[in-house]
Amino acid sequence: MFAAIVNFIQRAVLQGTPLLYGATGEIITEKSGNLNLGIPGIMYIGAISGVVGGFFYQSNTDEVDVFLAILIPLLCCLLGSVLVSLLYCFLTVTLRANQNVTGLAITTFGVGVGNFFGGSLIKIVKSEVPYLALVKIAKAYKTTFPFADGLGDIGNLLFKYGFMVYLAVIIAVVAGFVLNKTRVGLHLRAVGENPATADAAGINVARYKYFSTCIGGMIAGLGGLFYIMDYSNGIWSNNGFGDRGWLAIAIVIFATWKPSLAIIGSYLFGALYILFNYINVPMQFIPLIQMLPYLVTIIVLIVISMRDKRENQPPAHLGLSYFREDR
């Protein structure tokens, strides 16, 4: 029984980790006032960028070096994610395009780009199945602590994960510290709450919006890379992400824009996402169980709205373009 519980928690952590990357990245972005609904597309582009880098490295070497197997896809992922984030910033900050429409366009664009290049790589290897396998690269990403097996169930529960699981938690903790305890975080929150006042105080609003959105996009892109290289064991298949990018955005609301709560929310959503695999219910009730993450988000949103505490509300200028001339 305990072994089954450990297995469930492990799967929940693995399922929740890409959500944590996406939620942390979106929290950082939204704190600047940018509502980036393109996070699902950015995660997709981060994943395919890492896959492309890993594919060409694996195809051109006889023996995979662990360090390069991790570094090359990681750098490619970050590069792809920051480029599409810069595109979003150029459209919404510089050209002042509607953030909702731009974000949705980025998501559609990201999924299309991912499927195009993923399908192209599958054709290159002349695979008889509709997916691409980067098993050697994935092995490097899934390397766990060598002492985990010697600790029994405790080792499996705490130390039987690849490095990106721990990196996600570290990034969320650091993000929370920066946002709440540093001058950079104070300026960033000021930009999201009242950019006109921040501008009058000498804070470069556009620079902070660009910076936070690009950093948030790169973090979200790592969620896509983790999903392919760790969770899916290096297997890329078109349209294989499901709705995880949208779940990450939902977690931002659940966590009330706090990275520390996003850690709990991501693993909780990860558990709810796979719950139907571990309980015996009639088939007709499975869709209801799969809806639980979204139902929880709606309930939290209602509770937050009823309590009306300012610290639990989104940034006041979220989703709105800043016109300096209107100051």
Protein backbone atom coordinates (compact mmCIF):
# COMPACT_ATOMS: atom_id res chain seq x y z
CA MET A 1 0.00 0.00 0.00
CA PHE A 2 2.77 2.44 0.96
CA ALA A 3 4.63 1.57 -2.25
CA ALA A 4 1.53 2.47 -4.25
CA ILE A 5 1.29 5.83 -2.45
CA VAL A 6 4.97 6.53 -3.16
CA ASN A 7 4.42 5.70 -6.82
CA PHE A 8 1.42 8.03 -6.96
CA ILE A 9 3.38 10.90 -5.38
CA GLN A 10 6.28 10.31 -7.78
CA ARG A 11 3.97 10.49 -10.78
CA ALA A 12 2.26 13.58 -9.37
CA VAL A 13 5.63 15.33 -8.94
CA LEU A 14 6.67 14.45 -12.48
CA GLN A 15 3.30 15.54 -13.84
CA GLY A 16 3.39 18.77 -11.83
CA THR A 17 6.95 19.82 -12.66
CA PRO A 18 6.25 21.19 -16.17
CA LEU A 19 3.25 22.99 -14.68
CA LEU A 20 5.53 24.55 -12.06
CA TYR A 21 7.93 25.83 -14.71
CA GLY A 22 5.05 27.31 -16.70
CA ALA A 23 3.33 28.83 -13.65
CA THR A 24 6.54 30.37 -12.27
CA GLY A 25 7.36 31.88 -15.64
CA GLU A 26 3.87 33.31 -16.01
CA ILE A 27 3.88 34.74 -12.48
CA ILE A 28 7.10 36.63 -13.20
CA THR A 29 5.62 37.86 -16.48
CA GLU A 30 2.30 38.94 -15.00
CA LYS A 31 3.97 40.81 -12.14
CA SER A 32 5.13 43.29 -14.78
CA GLY A 33 1.57 43.75 -16.05
CA ASN A 34 2.00 41.55 -19.14
CA LEU A 35 -0.69 38.87 -19.49
CA ASN A 36 1.03 36.27 -21.64
CA LEU A 37 -1.50 33.69 -22.79
CA GLY A 38 1.18 32.41 -25.13
CA ILE A 39 2.75 30.28 -22.38
CA PRO A 40 1.43 27.00 -23.91
CA GLY A 41 3.03 27.95 -27.23
CA ILE A 42 6.29 29.00 -25.57
CA MET A 43 6.46 25.68 -23.74
CA TYR A 44 5.93 23.94 -27.07
CA ILE A 45 8.70 25.96 -28.76
CA GLY A 46 11.04 25.40 -25.80
CA ALA A 47 10.44 21.68 -26.14
CA ILE A 48 10.94 21.45 -29.91
CA SER A 49 14.03 23.70 -29.75
CA GLY A 50 15.59 21.33 -27.22
CA VAL A 51 14.55 18.33 -29.31
CA VAL A 52 16.14 19.81 -32.45
CA GLY A 53 19.40 20.52 -30.61
CA GLY A 54 19.42 17.09 -28.98
CA PHE A 55 18.57 15.35 -32.25
CA PHE A 56 21.46 16.84 -34.21
CA TYR A 57 23.88 16.23 -31.36
CA GLN A 58 22.78 12.61 -30.91
CA SER A 59 22.83 12.00 -34.67
CA ASN A 60 26.37 13.30 -35.10
CA THR A 61 28.15 11.53 -32.27
CA ASP A 62 28.88 7.89 -31.58
CA GLU A 63 29.14 8.29 -27.82
CA VAL A 64 26.93 10.80 -26.03
CA ASP A 65 28.68 12.96 -23.46
CA VAL A 66 26.36 13.51 -20.47
CA PHE A 67 27.35 17.15 -20.03
CA LEU A 68 26.78 18.04 -23.69
CA ALA A 69 23.61 15.94 -23.83
CA ILE A 70 22.17 18.19 -21.12
CA LEU A 71 23.75 21.50 -22.17
CA ILE A 72 22.93 21.56 -25.90
CA PRO A 73 19.15 20.91 -25.63
CA LEU A 74 19.00 23.24 -22.61
CA LEU A 75 20.64 26.15 -24.46
CA CYS A 76 18.52 25.52 -27.56
CA CYS A 77 15.39 25.49 -25.39
CA LEU A 78 16.31 28.79 -23.74
CA LEU A 79 17.17 30.37 -27.09
CA GLY A 80 13.90 29.33 -28.72
CA SER A 81 11.87 30.45 -25.70
CA VAL A 82 13.51 33.87 -25.42
CA LEU A 83 13.11 34.58 -29.14
CA VAL A 84 9.36 33.97 -29.09
CA SER A 85 9.12 35.96 -25.82
CA LEU A 86 10.89 38.85 -27.51
CA LEU A 87 8.34 38.63 -30.31
CA TYR A 88 5.53 38.87 -27.76
CA CYS A 89 7.22 41.87 -26.09
CA PHE A 90 7.79 43.65 -29.38
CA LEU A 91 4.13 43.29 -30.29
CA THR A 92 2.64 44.17 -26.91
CA VAL A 93 5.15 46.57 -25.35
CA THR A 94 6.63 48.35 -28.35
CA LEU A 95 3.68 48.20 -30.75
CA ARG A 96 1.08 48.06 -27.92
CA ALA A 97 -0.92 45.26 -29.54
CA ASN A 98 -3.71 43.63 -27.55
CA GLN A 99 -2.11 41.23 -25.08
CA ASN A 100 -4.89 38.64 -25.11
CA VAL A 101 -4.95 38.35 -28.89
CA THR A 102 -1.15 38.33 -29.12
CA GLY A 103 -0.84 35.62 -26.48
CA LEU A 104 -3.37 33.38 -28.20
CA ALA A 105 -1.58 33.95 -31.52
CA ILE A 106 1.74 32.99 -29.91
CA THR A 107 0.17 29.77 -28.61
CA THR A 108 -1.18 28.87 -32.05
CA PHE A 109 2.14 29.80 -33.63
CA GLY A 110 4.15 27.78 -31.10
CA VAL A 111 2.07 24.63 -31.55
CA GLY A 112 2.32 24.98 -35.34
CA VAL A 113 6.09 25.48 -35.27
CA GLY A 114 6.53 22.54 -32.90
CA ASN A 115 4.43 20.21 -35.02
CA PHE A 116 6.15 21.34 -38.24
CA PHE A 117 9.70 20.76 -37.03
CA GLY A 118 8.74 17.66 -35.03
CA GLY A 119 7.07 16.14 -38.08
CA SER A 120 10.08 17.07 -40.22
CA LEU A 121 12.49 15.30 -37.87
CA ILE A 122 10.28 12.21 -37.86
CA LYS A 123 10.44 12.17 -41.66
CA ILE A 124 14.22 12.64 -41.61
CA VAL A 125 14.73 9.47 -39.55
CA LYS A 126 12.11 7.68 -41.70
CA SER A 127 10.38 6.39 -38.60
CA GLU A 128 7.59 3.88 -39.07
CA VAL A 129 5.86 5.26 -35.99
CA PRO A 130 4.63 8.88 -35.57
CA TYR A 131 7.19 9.88 -32.95
CA LEU A 132 10.86 10.66 -32.47
CA ALA A 133 12.95 9.02 -29.74
CA LEU A 134 15.96 10.71 -28.12
CA VAL A 135 16.66 7.93 -25.66
CA LYS A 136 20.35 8.70 -25.09
CA ILE A 137 19.66 12.38 -24.41
CA ALA A 138 16.76 11.54 -22.11
CA LYS A 139 18.96 9.16 -20.11
CA ALA A 140 21.19 12.10 -19.15
CA TYR A 141 18.19 14.16 -18.04
CA LYS A 142 16.71 11.32 -16.00
CA THR A 143 19.90 10.58 -14.04
CA THR A 144 19.06 10.41 -10.32
CA PHE A 145 21.07 10.51 -7.11
CA PRO A 146 23.14 7.30 -6.83
CA PHE A 147 22.27 6.83 -3.17
CA ALA A 148 18.49 6.91 -3.73
CA ASP A 149 18.12 3.14 -4.11
CA GLY A 150 19.81 2.53 -0.78
CA LEU A 151 17.23 4.59 1.12
CA GLY A 152 14.21 2.49 0.18
CA ASP A 153 10.86 4.22 -0.17
CA ILE A 154 12.19 7.46 1.32
CA GLY A 155 14.87 7.57 -1.35
CA ASN A 156 12.29 6.90 -4.06
CA LEU A 157 10.04 9.62 -2.67
CA LEU A 158 12.64 12.38 -2.32
CA PHE A 159 15.67 11.61 -4.47
CA LYS A 160 14.51 9.50 -7.41
CA TYR A 161 14.11 12.38 -9.86
CA GLY A 162 16.15 14.05 -12.55
CA PHE A 163 17.85 17.37 -11.85
CA MET A 164 15.12 19.43 -13.55
CA VAL A 165 12.60 18.52 -10.85
CA TYR A 166 14.78 20.14 -8.20
CA LEU A 167 15.66 23.01 -10.53
CA ALA A 168 11.97 23.89 -10.88
CA VAL A 169 11.57 24.21 -7.11
CA ILE A 170 14.78 26.23 -6.78
CA ILE A 171 13.68 28.64 -9.50
CA ALA A 172 10.27 29.10 -7.85
CA VAL A 173 11.84 29.80 -4.45
CA VAL A 174 14.38 32.24 -5.93
CA ALA A 175 11.61 33.96 -7.91
CA GLY A 176 9.57 34.44 -4.74
CA PHE A 177 12.58 35.88 -2.93
CA VAL A 178 13.45 38.28 -5.76
CA LEU A 179 9.87 39.48 -6.15
CA ASN A 180 9.33 40.12 -2.44
CA LYS A 181 12.73 40.89 -0.94
CA THR A 182 14.76 42.78 -3.53
CA ARG A 183 14.71 46.21 -5.15
CA VAL A 184 14.36 44.61 -8.59
CA GLY A 185 11.25 42.80 -7.41
CA LEU A 186 9.85 45.99 -5.91
CA HIS A 187 10.35 47.86 -9.18
CA LEU A 188 8.82 45.00 -11.15
CA ARG A 189 5.73 44.92 -8.95
CA ALA A 190 5.45 48.70 -9.21
CA VAL A 191 5.45 48.44 -13.01
CA GLY A 192 2.64 45.90 -12.86
CA GLU A 193 0.56 47.86 -10.36
CA ASN A 194 0.95 51.40 -11.68
CA PRO A 195 3.38 51.89 -14.57
CA ALA A 196 2.73 55.65 -14.73
CA THR A 197 3.86 56.10 -11.12
CA ALA A 198 6.81 53.77 -11.68
CA ASP A 199 7.79 55.76 -14.78
CA ALA A 200 7.57 59.02 -12.85
CA ALA A 201 9.87 57.51 -10.21
CA GLY A 202 12.52 56.87 -12.87
CA ILE A 203 11.84 53.17 -13.47
CA ASN A 204 12.21 52.10 -17.10
CA VAL A 205 8.80 50.46 -17.64
CA ALA A 206 9.53 48.98 -21.07
CA ARG A 207 12.83 47.49 -19.91
CA TYR A 208 11.21 45.77 -16.94
CA LYS A 209 8.39 44.43 -19.08
CA TYR A 210 10.84 43.05 -21.64
CA PHE A 211 13.11 41.61 -18.97
CA SER A 212 10.42 39.89 -16.91
CA THR A 213 8.56 38.51 -19.93
CA CYS A 214 11.73 37.07 -21.46
CA ILE A 215 12.88 35.55 -18.15
CA GLY A 216 9.39 34.16 -17.58
CA GLY A 217 9.28 32.77 -21.11
CA MET A 218 12.61 30.99 -20.72
CA ILE A 219 11.47 29.43 -17.45
CA ALA A 220 8.21 28.29 -19.06
CA GLY A 221 10.16 26.85 -21.99
CA LEU A 222 12.09 24.67 -19.56
CA GLY A 223 8.76 23.08 -18.66
CA GLY A 224 8.35 21.91 -22.24
CA LEU A 225 11.91 20.58 -22.29
CA PHE A 226 11.34 18.69 -19.04
CA TYR A 227 8.14 17.13 -20.36
CA ILE A 228 9.91 15.69 -23.40
CA MET A 229 13.31 14.79 -21.98
CA ASP A 230 12.30 13.51 -18.56
CA TYR A 231 8.58 12.82 -18.27
CA SER A 232 8.20 11.37 -21.79
CA ASN A 233 11.61 9.64 -21.80
CA GLY A 234 12.83 11.61 -24.81
CA ILE A 235 9.79 10.81 -26.97
CA TRP A 236 8.46 13.60 -29.17
CA SER A 237 5.05 13.22 -30.79
CA ASN A 238 3.04 16.00 -32.38
CA ASN A 239 0.23 17.40 -30.24
CA GLY A 240 1.50 15.36 -27.29
CA PHE A 241 1.38 18.16 -24.71
CA GLY A 242 -2.33 18.21 -24.11
CA ASP A 243 -3.60 21.14 -22.04
CA ARG A 244 -0.65 21.43 -19.66
CA GLY A 245 0.22 24.95 -20.77
CA TRP A 246 -3.28 26.15 -19.89
CA LEU A 247 -3.11 24.32 -16.57
CA ALA A 248 0.07 26.27 -15.79
CA ILE A 249 -1.83 29.53 -16.35
CA ALA A 250 -4.65 28.25 -14.13
CA ILE A 251 -2.12 27.55 -11.36
CA VAL A 252 -1.09 31.22 -11.41
CA ILE A 253 -4.62 32.08 -10.27
CA PHE A 254 -4.66 29.19 -7.80
CA ALA A 255 -1.36 30.38 -6.30
CA THR A 256 -2.60 34.00 -6.13
CA TRP A 257 0.48 35.15 -8.03
CA LYS A 258 2.89 33.73 -5.40
CA PRO A 259 5.71 31.42 -6.64
CA SER A 260 5.86 29.59 -3.30
CA LEU A 261 2.20 28.61 -3.54
CA ALA A 262 2.74 27.63 -7.17
CA ILE A 263 4.95 24.78 -5.93
CA ILE A 264 2.09 23.34 -3.89
CA GLY A 265 -0.46 24.09 -6.59
CA SER A 266 1.57 22.43 -9.33
CA TYR A 267 2.00 19.17 -7.47
CA LEU A 268 -1.64 19.23 -6.39
CA PHE A 269 -2.75 19.74 -9.98
CA GLY A 270 -0.33 17.03 -11.04
CA ALA A 271 -1.98 14.65 -8.57
CA LEU A 272 -5.48 15.61 -9.73
CA TYR A 273 -4.42 15.22 -13.36
CA ILE A 274 -3.50 11.55 -12.89
CA LEU A 275 -5.99 10.68 -10.16
CA PHE A 276 -8.32 8.81 -12.52
CA ASN A 277 -5.53 6.27 -13.15
CA TYR A 278 -5.43 5.29 -9.48
CA ILE A 279 -9.08 5.04 -8.47
CA ASN A 280 -11.79 2.66 -9.56
CA VAL A 281 -14.79 4.55 -10.90
CA PRO A 282 -17.22 3.88 -13.75
CA MET A 283 -15.97 5.09 -17.12
CA GLN A 284 -18.65 7.77 -17.39
CA PHE A 285 -17.25 9.53 -14.30
CA ILE A 286 -13.65 9.75 -15.55
CA PRO A 287 -14.23 13.03 -17.48
CA LEU A 288 -15.55 14.56 -14.24
CA ILE A 289 -12.39 13.54 -12.40
CA GLN A 290 -10.25 14.96 -15.21
CA MET A 291 -12.06 18.27 -14.75
CA LEU A 292 -10.99 18.55 -11.11
CA PRO A 293 -7.98 20.86 -11.69
CA TYR A 294 -10.19 23.36 -13.49
CA LEU A 295 -12.98 23.07 -10.95
CA VAL A 296 -10.49 23.74 -8.15
CA THR A 297 -9.26 26.83 -10.01
CA ILE A 298 -12.81 28.14 -10.40
CA ILE A 299 -13.51 27.59 -6.69
CA VAL A 300 -10.29 29.38 -5.70
CA LEU A 301 -11.11 32.24 -8.05
CA ILE A 302 -14.56 32.62 -6.47
CA VAL A 303 -13.11 32.54 -2.94
CA ILE A 304 -10.46 35.13 -3.84
CA SER A 305 -13.08 37.39 -5.38
CA MET A 306 -15.28 37.13 -2.29
CA ARG A 307 -12.45 37.88 0.15
CA ASP A 308 -11.22 40.80 -2.00
CA LYS A 309 -7.80 41.01 -0.32
CA ARG A 310 -5.45 43.18 -2.37
CA GLU A 311 -2.45 40.91 -1.82
CA ASN A 312 -4.36 38.03 -3.44
CA GLN A 313 -5.43 40.01 -6.50
CA PRO A 314 -3.63 40.20 -9.84
CA PRO A 315 -1.48 43.26 -10.64
CA ALA A 316 -3.76 46.26 -11.17
CA HIS A 317 -2.41 46.99 -14.66
CA LEU A 318 -2.41 43.35 -15.82
CA GLY A 319 -3.23 42.97 -19.50
CA LEU A 320 -3.20 46.70 -20.23
CA SER A 321 -0.77 48.49 -22.52
CA TYR A 322 1.09 51.47 -21.09
CA PHE A 323 0.98 54.75 -23.02
CA ARG A 324 3.51 57.14 -21.57
CA GLU A 325 1.75 60.06 -23.24
CA ASP A 326 -1.33 59.38 -21.07
CA ARG A 327 0.65 59.78 -17.86
